[in-house]
Amino acid sequence: MWCITRVKIGNNKPFFSTGPMELLEKIETYSSIKKATEAMKMSYVKALRIIRVMEEELGFPVVISEKGGSNYGSTKLTEKGRQVLTAYAEIYADVSRYAEKQVREKFRF
């Protein structure tokens, strides 16, 4: 038996869930919002909107970009951005384990 778990974080409207988590993970991997969006098949504009809303809701930057030069710049997670990503991943794993345990216990018929 399996279950699908969704964890969304936000006050009046959710701003962090598995989509933004994956976006931050890909930014960390590729050091680029553009490459992250290509890997996710997400529009660049949508990614920028997700990041903007996330930063507005949290009250601090989650990414920092270095412009131009011969490398075309890069984008990295801030320390707090990494903390948000780690905290969400831990919460998501905990909730998923709990939900799976509940499904196994409650569906024993």
Protein backbone atom coordinates (compact mmCIF):
# COMPACT_ATOMS: atom_id res chain seq x y z
CA MET A 1 0.00 0.00 0.00
CA TRP A 2 1.32 3.45 -0.80
CA CYS A 3 0.17 6.98 -0.26
CA ILE A 4 0.89 10.35 -1.80
CA THR A 5 1.89 13.01 0.67
CA ARG A 6 1.82 16.73 -0.01
CA VAL A 7 3.38 19.25 2.29
CA LYS A 8 2.78 22.92 1.52
CA ILE A 9 4.13 25.74 3.65
CA GLY A 10 2.61 29.21 3.86
CA ASN A 11 0.28 31.44 5.81
CA ASN A 12 -2.61 32.53 3.62
CA LYS A 13 -1.29 30.93 0.45
CA PRO A 14 1.27 28.15 0.10
CA PHE A 15 4.62 29.33 -1.22
CA PHE A 16 6.79 26.28 -0.63
CA SER A 17 6.17 22.70 -1.67
CA THR A 18 7.94 20.02 -3.69
CA GLY A 19 8.11 22.22 -6.83
CA PRO A 20 10.03 25.08 -5.19
CA MET A 21 12.12 22.47 -3.34
CA GLU A 22 13.14 20.89 -6.63
CA LEU A 23 13.85 24.32 -8.12
CA LEU A 24 16.23 25.19 -5.28
CA GLU A 25 17.89 21.76 -5.54
CA LYS A 26 18.46 22.24 -9.27
CA ILE A 27 19.78 25.78 -8.77
CA GLU A 28 22.23 24.35 -6.24
CA THR A 29 23.24 21.61 -8.69
CA TYR A 30 23.62 23.76 -11.80
CA SER A 31 24.51 27.16 -10.24
CA SER A 32 22.04 28.61 -12.72
CA ILE A 33 18.35 29.41 -12.72
CA LYS A 34 18.24 28.98 -16.50
CA LYS A 35 19.82 25.51 -16.40
CA ALA A 36 17.60 24.55 -13.46
CA THR A 37 14.48 25.53 -15.39
CA GLU A 38 15.65 23.65 -18.48
CA ALA A 39 16.21 20.51 -16.38
CA MET A 40 12.72 20.88 -14.88
CA LYS A 41 11.04 21.88 -18.16
CA MET A 42 9.80 25.01 -16.37
CA SER A 43 9.67 28.50 -17.81
CA TYR A 44 12.34 30.89 -16.61
CA VAL A 45 9.68 33.51 -15.83
CA LYS A 46 7.77 31.03 -13.65
CA ALA A 47 10.96 30.19 -11.74
CA LEU A 48 11.65 33.88 -11.11
CA ARG A 49 8.08 34.31 -9.85
CA ILE A 50 8.42 31.31 -7.50
CA ILE A 51 11.69 32.69 -6.13
CA ARG A 52 10.24 36.21 -5.72
CA VAL A 53 7.16 34.96 -3.83
CA MET A 54 9.30 32.67 -1.68
CA GLU A 55 11.63 35.52 -0.74
CA GLU A 56 8.71 37.89 -0.04
CA GLU A 57 7.02 35.34 2.21
CA LEU A 58 10.20 34.37 4.04
CA GLY A 59 11.50 37.92 4.33
CA PHE A 60 15.02 37.12 3.13
CA PRO A 61 16.80 36.13 -0.09
CA VAL A 62 17.12 32.43 -0.89
CA VAL A 63 19.37 32.87 -3.93
CA ILE A 64 22.16 35.23 -4.86
CA SER A 65 23.22 35.90 -8.44
CA GLU A 66 26.59 37.02 -9.70
CA LYS A 67 26.32 38.83 -13.00
CA GLY A 68 28.13 38.43 -16.28
CA GLY A 69 31.70 38.08 -17.23
CA SER A 70 33.05 35.32 -19.45
CA ASN A 71 31.22 32.68 -17.37
CA TYR A 72 27.84 34.41 -17.84
CA GLY A 73 27.45 34.63 -14.07
CA SER A 74 25.98 32.14 -11.66
CA THR A 75 23.25 31.74 -9.07
CA LYS A 76 23.75 30.05 -5.72
CA LEU A 77 21.58 29.45 -2.69
CA THR A 78 22.17 31.74 0.24
CA GLU A 79 22.92 30.14 3.59
CA LYS A 80 19.31 30.75 4.64
CA GLY A 81 18.14 29.34 1.29
CA ARG A 82 20.04 26.12 2.07
CA GLN A 83 18.51 26.07 5.55
CA VAL A 84 15.00 26.42 4.07
CA LEU A 85 15.70 23.62 1.61
CA THR A 86 17.09 21.32 4.31
CA ALA A 87 14.25 22.08 6.75
CA TYR A 88 11.57 21.43 4.12
CA ALA A 89 13.23 18.19 2.97
CA GLU A 90 13.33 16.96 6.59
CA ILE A 91 9.69 17.94 7.22
CA TYR A 92 8.59 16.30 3.98
CA ALA A 93 10.44 13.06 4.82
CA ASP A 94 9.01 13.01 8.36
CA VAL A 95 5.44 13.62 7.18
CA SER A 96 5.78 11.02 4.42
CA ARG A 97 7.04 8.38 6.86
CA TYR A 98 4.22 9.18 9.28
CA ALA A 99 1.57 9.07 6.53
CA GLU A 100 2.86 5.75 5.21
CA LYS A 101 2.82 4.29 8.73
CA GLN A 102 -0.76 5.49 9.23
CA VAL A 103 -1.88 3.98 5.92
CA ARG A 104 -0.29 0.62 6.81
CA GLU A 105 -1.94 0.64 10.25
CA LYS A 106 -5.38 1.87 9.21
CA PHE A 107 -5.69 -0.28 6.08
CA ARG A 108 -5.06 -3.67 7.74
CA PHE A 109 -8.35 -5.25 6.77
